[in-house]
Amino acid sequence: MENSYIAYFTEKDKKLEKVEKISSCILILNILKYLVSTAWEGKLISNKQYEDVAVKLEDIGGILGGWKRSLDNPKKKNHTL
């Protein structure tokens, strides 16, 4: 969360820094997904708990991925006409 906060409030002229921060967030998110999956496989959390967390982590991953893509291609719009 710290990296996403820093990236969000970084000045526009320091875009490269933002991309690096978002990449760091994505890496941490992937590690968290792995740990949650391992906890589920080890029966430390229930199926329902795993499902609830996994859906939220996927949503966050989509948001971060979209943010990173928009920073990688600033001239490309996110929508088509």
N, C-alpha and C. Protein backbone atom coordinates (compact mmCIF):
# COMPACT_ATOMS: atom_id res chain seq x y z
N MET A 1 0.82 -1.19 0.00
CA MET A 1 0.00 0.00 0.00
C MET A 1 0.86 1.26 0.00
N GLU A 2 1.98 1.18 0.69
CA GLU A 2 2.87 2.34 0.74
C GLU A 2 3.35 2.72 -0.66
N ASN A 3 3.74 1.72 -1.44
CA ASN A 3 4.22 2.00 -2.80
C ASN A 3 3.13 2.58 -3.68
N SER A 4 1.91 2.09 -3.55
CA SER A 4 0.82 2.63 -4.37
C SER A 4 0.50 4.06 -3.96
N TYR A 5 0.59 4.35 -2.68
CA TYR A 5 0.36 5.71 -2.19
C TYR A 5 1.42 6.66 -2.76
N ILE A 6 2.68 6.24 -2.68
CA ILE A 6 3.77 7.06 -3.19
C ILE A 6 3.61 7.28 -4.70
N ALA A 7 3.30 6.22 -5.42
CA ALA A 7 3.13 6.33 -6.87
C ALA A 7 1.98 7.27 -7.22
N TYR A 8 0.90 7.18 -6.49
CA TYR A 8 -0.27 8.00 -6.78
C TYR A 8 0.04 9.50 -6.64
N PHE A 9 0.85 9.84 -5.64
CA PHE A 9 1.11 11.25 -5.37
C PHE A 9 2.43 11.75 -5.94
N THR A 10 3.11 10.93 -6.75
CA THR A 10 4.35 11.37 -7.41
C THR A 10 4.00 12.34 -8.54
N GLU A 11 4.84 13.34 -8.72
CA GLU A 11 4.59 14.33 -9.77
C GLU A 11 4.63 13.68 -11.14
N LYS A 12 3.86 14.23 -12.08
CA LYS A 12 3.75 13.65 -13.43
C LYS A 12 5.09 13.57 -14.15
N ASP A 13 5.98 14.51 -13.90
CA ASP A 13 7.26 14.50 -14.61
C ASP A 13 8.20 13.39 -14.12
N LYS A 14 7.82 12.69 -13.08
CA LYS A 14 8.60 11.57 -12.56
C LYS A 14 7.88 10.25 -12.83
N LYS A 15 7.35 10.13 -14.04
CA LYS A 15 6.54 8.98 -14.42
C LYS A 15 7.29 7.66 -14.29
N LEU A 16 8.55 7.62 -14.65
CA LEU A 16 9.33 6.38 -14.57
C LEU A 16 9.33 5.85 -13.14
N GLU A 17 9.46 6.74 -12.19
CA GLU A 17 9.41 6.36 -10.78
C GLU A 17 8.07 5.70 -10.45
N LYS A 18 6.99 6.26 -11.00
CA LYS A 18 5.66 5.71 -10.76
C LYS A 18 5.56 4.28 -11.26
N VAL A 19 6.05 4.05 -12.47
CA VAL A 19 5.98 2.71 -13.05
C VAL A 19 6.74 1.72 -12.18
N GLU A 20 7.91 2.12 -11.69
CA GLU A 20 8.69 1.24 -10.82
C GLU A 20 7.94 0.95 -9.52
N LYS A 21 7.27 1.93 -8.96
CA LYS A 21 6.50 1.73 -7.73
C LYS A 21 5.33 0.78 -7.98
N ILE A 22 4.64 0.96 -9.11
CA ILE A 22 3.52 0.09 -9.42
C ILE A 22 4.01 -1.34 -9.66
N SER A 23 5.14 -1.49 -10.34
CA SER A 23 5.70 -2.83 -10.56
C SER A 23 6.01 -3.49 -9.22
N SER A 24 6.49 -2.71 -8.29
CA SER A 24 6.78 -3.22 -6.95
C SER A 24 5.49 -3.66 -6.27
N CYS A 25 4.42 -2.90 -6.42
CA CYS A 25 3.12 -3.25 -5.84
C CYS A 25 2.61 -4.55 -6.44
N ILE A 26 2.77 -4.71 -7.75
CA ILE A 26 2.30 -5.91 -8.42
C ILE A 26 3.08 -7.12 -7.93
N LEU A 27 4.37 -6.98 -7.73
CA LEU A 27 5.18 -8.08 -7.20
C LEU A 27 4.72 -8.47 -5.81
N ILE A 28 4.51 -7.49 -4.95
CA ILE A 28 4.05 -7.76 -3.59
C ILE A 28 2.67 -8.42 -3.62
N LEU A 29 1.80 -7.96 -4.50
CA LEU A 29 0.47 -8.56 -4.63
C LEU A 29 0.58 -10.03 -5.05
N ASN A 30 1.46 -10.32 -6.00
CA ASN A 30 1.64 -11.71 -6.43
C ASN A 30 2.17 -12.60 -5.31
N ILE A 31 3.06 -12.05 -4.49
CA ILE A 31 3.55 -12.81 -3.33
C ILE A 31 2.40 -13.06 -2.35
N LEU A 32 1.58 -12.06 -2.14
CA LEU A 32 0.43 -12.21 -1.24
C LEU A 32 -0.54 -13.27 -1.77
N LYS A 33 -0.79 -13.27 -3.08
CA LYS A 33 -1.66 -14.29 -3.68
C LYS A 33 -1.09 -15.68 -3.42
N TYR A 34 0.23 -15.82 -3.58
CA TYR A 34 0.88 -17.10 -3.34
C TYR A 34 0.72 -17.54 -1.88
N LEU A 35 0.92 -16.62 -0.94
CA LEU A 35 0.80 -16.95 0.47
C LEU A 35 -0.62 -17.33 0.85
N VAL A 36 -1.59 -16.63 0.30
CA VAL A 36 -3.00 -16.97 0.57
C VAL A 36 -3.33 -18.34 0.00
N SER A 37 -2.84 -18.61 -1.20
CA SER A 37 -3.06 -19.91 -1.82
C SER A 37 -2.43 -21.03 -0.99
N THR A 38 -1.24 -20.79 -0.50
CA THR A 38 -0.55 -21.77 0.34
C THR A 38 -1.31 -21.99 1.64
N ALA A 39 -1.84 -20.94 2.22
CA ALA A 39 -2.64 -21.07 3.44
C ALA A 39 -3.89 -21.89 3.18
N TRP A 40 -4.51 -21.69 2.03
CA TRP A 40 -5.71 -22.47 1.68
C TRP A 40 -5.36 -23.94 1.46
N GLU A 41 -4.29 -24.18 0.71
CA GLU A 41 -3.87 -25.56 0.46
C GLU A 41 -3.49 -26.27 1.75
N GLY A 42 -2.95 -25.54 2.71
CA GLY A 42 -2.59 -26.11 4.01
C GLY A 42 -3.76 -26.17 4.97
N LYS A 43 -4.95 -25.82 4.46
CA LYS A 43 -6.19 -25.83 5.24
C LYS A 43 -6.13 -24.91 6.47
N LEU A 44 -5.40 -23.82 6.32
CA LEU A 44 -5.34 -22.82 7.38
C LEU A 44 -6.47 -21.81 7.27
N ILE A 45 -7.04 -21.70 6.06
CA ILE A 45 -8.21 -20.85 5.84
C ILE A 45 -9.25 -21.67 5.09
N SER A 46 -10.50 -21.31 5.29
CA SER A 46 -11.60 -22.06 4.67
C SER A 46 -11.73 -21.72 3.18
N ASN A 47 -12.52 -22.53 2.49
CA ASN A 47 -12.78 -22.27 1.07
C ASN A 47 -13.42 -20.89 0.89
N LYS A 48 -14.36 -20.55 1.76
CA LYS A 48 -15.05 -19.27 1.67
C LYS A 48 -14.08 -18.11 1.89
N GLN A 49 -13.22 -18.23 2.89
CA GLN A 49 -12.23 -17.18 3.15
C GLN A 49 -11.30 -17.02 1.95
N TYR A 50 -10.86 -18.15 1.41
CA TYR A 50 -9.97 -18.11 0.25
C TYR A 50 -10.66 -17.44 -0.93
N GLU A 51 -11.90 -17.84 -1.17
CA GLU A 51 -12.65 -17.26 -2.29
C GLU A 51 -12.81 -15.75 -2.13
N ASP A 52 -13.18 -15.32 -0.94
CA ASP A 52 -13.37 -13.89 -0.68
C ASP A 52 -12.09 -13.09 -0.92
N VAL A 53 -10.99 -13.60 -0.38
CA VAL A 53 -9.71 -12.90 -0.51
C VAL A 53 -9.21 -12.96 -1.95
N ALA A 54 -9.32 -14.11 -2.59
CA ALA A 54 -8.81 -14.28 -3.96
C ALA A 54 -9.51 -13.33 -4.93
N VAL A 55 -10.81 -13.18 -4.79
CA VAL A 55 -11.56 -12.26 -5.67
C VAL A 55 -11.08 -10.83 -5.47
N LYS A 56 -10.88 -10.43 -4.24
CA LYS A 56 -10.43 -9.06 -3.97
C LYS A 56 -9.01 -8.84 -4.49
N LEU A 57 -8.14 -9.84 -4.32
CA LEU A 57 -6.78 -9.71 -4.82
C LEU A 57 -6.75 -9.63 -6.34
N GLU A 58 -7.62 -10.36 -7.01
CA GLU A 58 -7.70 -10.29 -8.47
C GLU A 58 -8.17 -8.91 -8.92
N ASP A 59 -9.15 -8.36 -8.21
CA ASP A 59 -9.63 -7.01 -8.53
C ASP A 59 -8.50 -5.98 -8.38
N ILE A 60 -7.77 -6.09 -7.29
CA ILE A 60 -6.65 -5.17 -7.06
C ILE A 60 -5.60 -5.34 -8.15
N GLY A 61 -5.33 -6.58 -8.53
CA GLY A 61 -4.37 -6.85 -9.60
C GLY A 61 -4.79 -6.21 -10.91
N GLY A 62 -6.07 -6.27 -11.21
CA GLY A 62 -6.58 -5.64 -12.43
C GLY A 62 -6.41 -4.13 -12.40
N ILE A 63 -6.67 -3.55 -11.26
CA ILE A 63 -6.52 -2.09 -11.11
C ILE A 63 -5.06 -1.69 -11.28
N LEU A 64 -4.16 -2.41 -10.58
CA LEU A 64 -2.73 -2.08 -10.68
C LEU A 64 -2.20 -2.32 -12.09
N GLY A 65 -2.64 -3.40 -12.71
CA GLY A 65 -2.20 -3.68 -14.08
C GLY A 65 -2.66 -2.61 -15.05
N GLY A 66 -3.88 -2.16 -14.92
CA GLY A 66 -4.40 -1.08 -15.76
C GLY A 66 -3.65 0.22 -15.53
N TRP A 67 -3.34 0.49 -14.29
CA TRP A 67 -2.60 1.70 -13.95
C TRP A 67 -1.21 1.65 -14.57
N LYS A 68 -0.55 0.49 -14.46
CA LYS A 68 0.79 0.34 -15.03
C LYS A 68 0.75 0.49 -16.55
N ARG A 69 -0.24 -0.13 -17.20
CA ARG A 69 -0.36 -0.01 -18.66
C ARG A 69 -0.58 1.45 -19.07
N SER A 70 -1.38 2.17 -18.30
CA SER A 70 -1.63 3.57 -18.66
C SER A 70 -0.38 4.43 -18.48
N LEU A 71 0.48 4.07 -17.53
CA LEU A 71 1.72 4.80 -17.35
C LEU A 71 2.75 4.41 -18.40
N ASP A 72 2.73 3.14 -18.83
CA ASP A 72 3.65 2.69 -19.87
C ASP A 72 3.32 3.31 -21.23
N ASN A 73 2.04 3.57 -21.48
CA ASN A 73 1.58 4.13 -22.76
C ASN A 73 0.73 5.38 -22.50
N PRO A 74 1.35 6.48 -22.13
CA PRO A 74 0.56 7.66 -21.75
C PRO A 74 -0.25 8.26 -22.88
N LYS A 75 0.15 8.03 -24.13
CA LYS A 75 -0.58 8.62 -25.26
C LYS A 75 -1.78 7.77 -25.66
N LYS A 76 -1.78 6.51 -25.28
CA LYS A 76 -2.86 5.61 -25.64
C LYS A 76 -4.01 5.78 -24.65
N LYS A 77 -5.19 5.98 -25.16
CA LYS A 77 -6.36 6.14 -24.31
C LYS A 77 -6.87 4.79 -23.86
N ASN A 78 -7.53 4.76 -22.72
CA ASN A 78 -8.05 3.52 -22.16
C ASN A 78 -9.36 3.08 -22.80
N HIS A 79 -9.90 3.89 -23.66
CA HIS A 79 -11.18 3.54 -24.29
C HIS A 79 -11.10 3.78 -25.80
N THR A 80 -12.01 3.16 -26.51
CA THR A 80 -12.08 3.36 -27.95
C THR A 80 -13.41 4.01 -28.29
N LEU A 81 -13.43 4.71 -29.40
CA LEU A 81 -14.68 5.37 -29.83
C LEU A 81 -15.38 4.54 -30.86
